[in-house]
Amino acid sequence: MHGDAMLDLTEARADFRRGDFSKAQLELRRVQFELAASQPEVAEVRYLIAECDFQLGDHSAAALEFRKVADEYPSSPFAALSLLRSGDANLRLWRRPELDPTPGQTALATYQELQGRFPGTPAATRAQLHVRQLNEWFAEKDYKTGMFYFRRHAYDAAIIYFKDIIATFPSAKQVPDALLRLVDSYHAIGYAAEMREACDNMRRYYPKTSGLDHHCPPSLTAPSSAPPAAAEVGLDSTAHTQ
């Protein structure tokens, strides 16, 4: 890198740190044209350009540019961080659980890729926090969809969504409510054995859930044969009492 480009990069870094992202991005684009593709500074410059996109609110462009840095410079110090930020940008594009979840699904896949490609890195650790947030949102979306069918007495469809929450997002806060609605759905269509099984799991894993005795009266017990396996509804021995 010749002196002018180095000076421009130093100035761009300073503007970036000051939060003047519009100015920094213009300077970084100029530096990018001054660099040979093989120079190690290219990955940093492209990462910072993508970060400017993110900070300026263009999350679609940021997601794409971060992705390119991770793919085109896989041995760069910016590769893992770029995957994290690509996931973050897609997460920002999924603004509310009830909206189209495609950006959230892309974010989740990106975070999982990060954990697979760069395990143990700070970026992978940060991604785990976002994965938990995404799982809560996916569970919330499934719960709202299940309730849509439940309120319209389409219980078979509602059951699919409630069971999916329990099996796929066992740590989500919606699990106890999904189990209660599962009980109600089974009661509505006369599935007595399934209702007893769901109540058994409620009492086993979530005995302090509000309304449990109303939905699952103490007299409603599982048959005297072997108790139902928690795995049948997606629960396991690690489930937390709430």
Protein backbone atom coordinates (compact mmCIF):
# COMPACT_ATOMS: atom_id res chain seq x y z
CA MET A 1 0.00 0.00 0.00
CA HIS A 2 1.46 3.35 -0.95
CA GLY A 3 1.55 6.31 1.42
CA ASP A 4 -1.58 8.10 0.21
CA ALA A 5 -3.73 4.99 0.63
CA MET A 6 -2.34 4.37 4.11
CA LEU A 7 -3.08 7.96 5.08
CA ASP A 8 -6.60 7.68 3.69
CA LEU A 9 -7.18 4.45 5.61
CA THR A 10 -5.94 6.01 8.84
CA GLU A 11 -8.32 8.93 8.35
CA ALA A 12 -11.21 6.61 7.51
CA ARG A 13 -10.60 4.56 10.65
CA ALA A 14 -10.62 7.73 12.74
CA ASP A 15 -13.91 8.91 11.21
CA PHE A 16 -15.39 5.45 11.75
CA ARG A 17 -14.42 5.46 15.44
CA ARG A 18 -15.97 8.93 15.79
CA GLY A 19 -19.23 7.61 14.39
CA ASP A 20 -19.10 9.63 11.16
CA PHE A 21 -20.10 6.61 9.11
CA SER A 22 -21.13 8.42 5.93
CA LYS A 23 -17.76 10.14 5.66
CA ALA A 24 -15.86 7.03 6.64
CA GLN A 25 -17.64 4.97 4.03
CA LEU A 26 -16.73 7.40 1.24
CA GLU A 27 -13.09 7.34 2.35
CA LEU A 28 -13.07 3.57 2.62
CA ARG A 29 -14.46 3.14 -0.87
CA ARG A 30 -11.68 5.37 -2.18
CA VAL A 31 -9.11 3.30 -0.33
CA GLN A 32 -10.61 0.10 -1.71
CA PHE A 33 -9.93 1.26 -5.28
CA GLU A 34 -6.35 2.11 -4.34
CA LEU A 35 -5.58 -1.36 -3.01
CA ALA A 36 -4.48 -4.45 -4.90
CA ALA A 37 -6.82 -7.39 -4.33
CA SER A 38 -4.05 -9.37 -2.65
CA GLN A 39 -3.25 -6.78 0.02
CA PRO A 40 -4.21 -7.84 3.56
CA GLU A 41 -5.90 -4.51 4.28
CA VAL A 42 -8.64 -5.26 1.72
CA ALA A 43 -10.56 -7.52 4.11
CA GLU A 44 -10.56 -4.85 6.81
CA VAL A 45 -11.64 -2.12 4.38
CA ARG A 46 -14.53 -4.20 3.04
CA TYR A 47 -15.55 -5.18 6.55
CA LEU A 48 -15.62 -1.53 7.63
CA ILE A 49 -17.64 -0.56 4.54
CA ALA A 50 -20.21 -3.21 5.46
CA GLU A 51 -20.21 -1.97 9.05
CA CYS A 52 -20.94 1.54 7.79
CA ASP A 53 -23.90 0.14 5.82
CA PHE A 54 -25.14 -1.49 9.02
CA GLN A 55 -24.73 1.64 11.14
CA LEU A 56 -26.44 3.76 8.47
CA GLY A 57 -29.46 1.43 8.50
CA ASP A 58 -28.94 -0.37 5.17
CA HIS A 59 -29.11 -3.83 6.68
CA SER A 60 -29.77 -5.62 3.39
CA ALA A 61 -26.54 -4.28 1.89
CA ALA A 62 -24.67 -4.92 5.12
CA ALA A 63 -25.79 -8.56 5.29
CA LEU A 64 -24.62 -9.16 1.72
CA GLU A 65 -21.27 -7.39 2.12
CA PHE A 66 -20.45 -9.07 5.45
CA ARG A 67 -21.24 -12.40 3.82
CA LYS A 68 -18.82 -11.65 0.98
CA VAL A 69 -16.01 -10.79 3.38
CA ALA A 70 -16.49 -14.07 5.25
CA ASP A 71 -16.57 -16.10 2.02
CA GLU A 72 -13.82 -14.32 0.08
CA TYR A 73 -11.38 -13.90 2.98
CA PRO A 74 -11.95 -17.04 5.10
CA SER A 75 -8.50 -16.88 6.72
CA SER A 76 -8.79 -13.19 7.56
CA PRO A 77 -9.18 -12.04 11.16
CA PHE A 78 -12.43 -10.45 9.97
CA ALA A 79 -14.02 -13.67 8.67
CA ALA A 80 -15.67 -14.82 11.90
CA LEU A 81 -16.76 -11.32 12.85
CA SER A 82 -18.20 -10.79 9.36
CA LEU A 83 -20.33 -13.93 9.68
CA LEU A 84 -21.59 -12.68 13.03
CA ARG A 85 -22.47 -9.29 11.63
CA SER A 86 -24.14 -10.80 8.56
CA GLY A 87 -26.37 -12.72 10.95
CA ASP A 88 -26.97 -9.55 12.96
CA ALA A 89 -27.98 -7.63 9.84
CA ASN A 90 -30.49 -10.32 8.87
CA LEU A 91 -31.80 -10.35 12.42
CA ARG A 92 -32.43 -6.60 12.17
CA LEU A 93 -34.38 -7.23 8.96
CA TRP A 94 -36.79 -9.48 10.89
CA ARG A 95 -38.28 -6.70 12.96
CA ARG A 96 -41.14 -8.56 14.65
CA PRO A 97 -41.96 -12.27 15.11
CA GLU A 98 -45.27 -11.99 13.26
CA LEU A 99 -43.57 -10.79 10.06
CA ASP A 100 -42.06 -12.97 7.31
CA PRO A 101 -39.44 -15.07 9.16
CA THR A 102 -37.14 -15.55 6.16
CA PRO A 103 -34.50 -13.05 7.39
CA GLY A 104 -34.63 -14.70 10.80
CA GLN A 105 -34.11 -18.12 9.26
CA THR A 106 -31.14 -16.76 7.31
CA ALA A 107 -29.74 -15.21 10.49
CA LEU A 108 -30.07 -18.51 12.37
CA ALA A 109 -28.35 -20.44 9.57
CA THR A 110 -25.54 -17.88 9.53
CA TYR A 111 -25.01 -18.08 13.30
CA GLN A 112 -24.96 -21.87 13.11
CA GLU A 113 -22.43 -21.72 10.29
CA LEU A 114 -20.29 -19.38 12.38
CA GLN A 115 -20.32 -21.81 15.29
CA GLY A 116 -19.35 -24.62 12.94
CA ARG A 117 -16.57 -22.80 11.10
CA PHE A 118 -15.12 -20.79 13.98
CA PRO A 119 -15.97 -22.62 17.22
CA GLY A 120 -14.75 -21.09 20.43
CA THR A 121 -14.20 -17.63 18.98
CA PRO A 122 -15.66 -14.53 20.64
CA ALA A 123 -17.89 -14.10 17.59
CA ALA A 124 -19.29 -17.63 17.99
CA THR A 125 -19.96 -16.98 21.68
CA ARG A 126 -21.86 -13.80 20.86
CA ALA A 127 -23.84 -15.68 18.21
CA GLN A 128 -25.18 -18.09 20.85
CA LEU A 129 -27.00 -15.21 22.55
CA HIS A 130 -28.66 -14.25 19.27
CA VAL A 131 -29.63 -17.87 18.59
CA ARG A 132 -31.54 -17.92 21.89
CA GLN A 133 -33.34 -14.72 20.91
CA LEU A 134 -34.23 -16.17 17.52
CA ASN A 135 -35.56 -19.37 19.06
CA GLU A 136 -37.81 -17.30 21.33
CA TRP A 137 -39.12 -15.41 18.31
CA PHE A 138 -39.71 -18.58 16.29
CA ALA A 139 -41.54 -20.10 19.25
CA GLU A 140 -43.62 -16.95 19.63
CA LYS A 141 -44.51 -16.99 15.95
CA ASP A 142 -45.55 -20.66 16.13
CA TYR A 143 -47.58 -19.98 19.26
CA LYS A 144 -49.48 -17.11 17.64
CA THR A 145 -50.16 -19.28 14.59
CA GLY A 146 -51.33 -22.11 16.80
CA MET A 147 -53.65 -19.74 18.64
CA PHE A 148 -55.02 -18.49 15.32
CA TYR A 149 -56.20 -22.02 14.54
CA PHE A 150 -57.20 -22.75 18.15
CA ARG A 151 -59.58 -19.77 18.30
CA ARG A 152 -61.20 -20.96 15.07
CA HIS A 153 -61.64 -24.46 16.50
CA ALA A 154 -59.21 -25.92 13.96
CA TYR A 155 -57.69 -28.01 16.74
CA ASP A 156 -55.80 -30.50 14.60
CA ALA A 157 -53.87 -27.67 12.96
CA ALA A 158 -53.31 -25.93 16.30
CA ILE A 159 -51.89 -29.13 17.81
CA ILE A 160 -49.22 -29.27 15.10
CA TYR A 161 -47.91 -25.84 16.05
CA PHE A 162 -48.09 -26.36 19.81
CA LYS A 163 -46.22 -29.66 19.55
CA ASP A 164 -43.63 -28.08 17.28
CA ILE A 165 -42.86 -25.44 19.92
CA ILE A 166 -42.39 -28.12 22.58
CA ALA A 167 -40.19 -30.31 20.40
CA THR A 168 -38.15 -27.68 18.57
CA PHE A 169 -37.80 -24.90 21.17
CA PRO A 170 -37.85 -26.72 24.53
CA SER A 171 -36.21 -23.81 26.37
CA ALA A 172 -38.57 -21.15 25.04
CA LYS A 173 -40.80 -19.33 27.51
CA GLN A 174 -43.87 -20.27 25.44
CA VAL A 175 -43.52 -24.00 26.20
CA PRO A 176 -45.78 -24.09 29.31
CA ASP A 177 -48.52 -22.13 27.52
CA ALA A 178 -48.16 -24.36 24.46
CA LEU A 179 -48.61 -27.41 26.67
CA LEU A 180 -51.73 -25.91 28.26
CA ARG A 181 -53.21 -25.13 24.86
CA LEU A 182 -52.31 -28.66 23.78
CA VAL A 183 -54.32 -29.95 26.74
CA ASP A 184 -57.25 -27.73 25.77
CA SER A 185 -57.07 -28.86 22.15
CA TYR A 186 -57.08 -32.53 23.09
CA HIS A 187 -60.00 -31.92 25.45
CA ALA A 188 -61.97 -30.15 22.73
CA ILE A 189 -61.68 -33.06 20.30
CA GLY A 190 -62.02 -35.79 22.90
CA TYR A 191 -58.49 -37.19 22.83
CA ALA A 192 -58.51 -38.35 26.46
CA ALA A 193 -55.27 -40.36 26.42
CA GLU A 194 -53.30 -37.55 24.76
CA MET A 195 -54.78 -35.05 27.20
CA ARG A 196 -53.69 -37.16 30.18
CA GLU A 197 -50.21 -37.46 28.68
CA ALA A 198 -49.90 -33.70 28.19
CA CYS A 199 -51.12 -33.08 31.74
CA ASP A 200 -48.64 -35.60 33.07
CA ASN A 201 -45.84 -33.70 31.37
CA MET A 202 -47.17 -30.40 32.66
CA ARG A 203 -47.14 -31.67 36.24
CA ARG A 204 -43.74 -33.27 35.80
CA TYR A 205 -41.89 -30.38 34.21
CA TYR A 206 -43.96 -27.24 34.90
CA PRO A 207 -45.83 -27.90 38.17
CA LYS A 208 -45.99 -24.21 39.11
CA THR A 209 -47.65 -23.06 35.89
CA SER A 210 -50.57 -20.73 36.52
CA GLY A 211 -53.90 -22.36 35.75
CA LEU A 212 -52.53 -25.90 35.83
CA ASP A 213 -55.18 -27.27 38.21
CA HIS A 214 -57.93 -25.73 36.09
CA HIS A 215 -56.70 -27.28 32.84
CA CYS A 216 -55.40 -30.47 34.45
CA PRO A 217 -57.51 -31.32 37.55
CA PRO A 218 -55.60 -33.46 40.05
CA SER A 219 -58.13 -36.23 39.39
CA LEU A 220 -56.90 -36.35 35.79
CA THR A 221 -53.97 -38.71 36.07
CA ALA A 222 -52.09 -40.81 33.60
CA PRO A 223 -53.10 -44.48 33.26
CA SER A 224 -51.54 -46.85 35.76
CA SER A 225 -49.26 -48.28 33.09
CA ALA A 226 -45.80 -46.85 32.47
CA PRO A 227 -45.79 -43.02 32.43
CA PRO A 228 -45.49 -41.38 29.02
CA ALA A 229 -42.00 -40.64 27.82
CA ALA A 230 -41.28 -36.92 27.78
CA ALA A 231 -39.54 -37.32 24.43
CA GLU A 232 -42.91 -38.10 22.88
CA VAL A 233 -43.85 -34.44 23.16
CA GLY A 234 -40.35 -33.03 22.85
CA LEU A 235 -39.48 -32.73 26.55
CA ASP A 236 -36.54 -34.31 28.30
CA SER A 237 -35.10 -34.59 31.77
CA THR A 238 -33.27 -31.29 31.39
CA ALA A 239 -36.49 -29.25 31.19
CA HIS A 240 -36.67 -26.54 33.85
CA THR A 241 -39.50 -26.16 36.30
CA GLN A 242 -41.19 -22.84 35.86
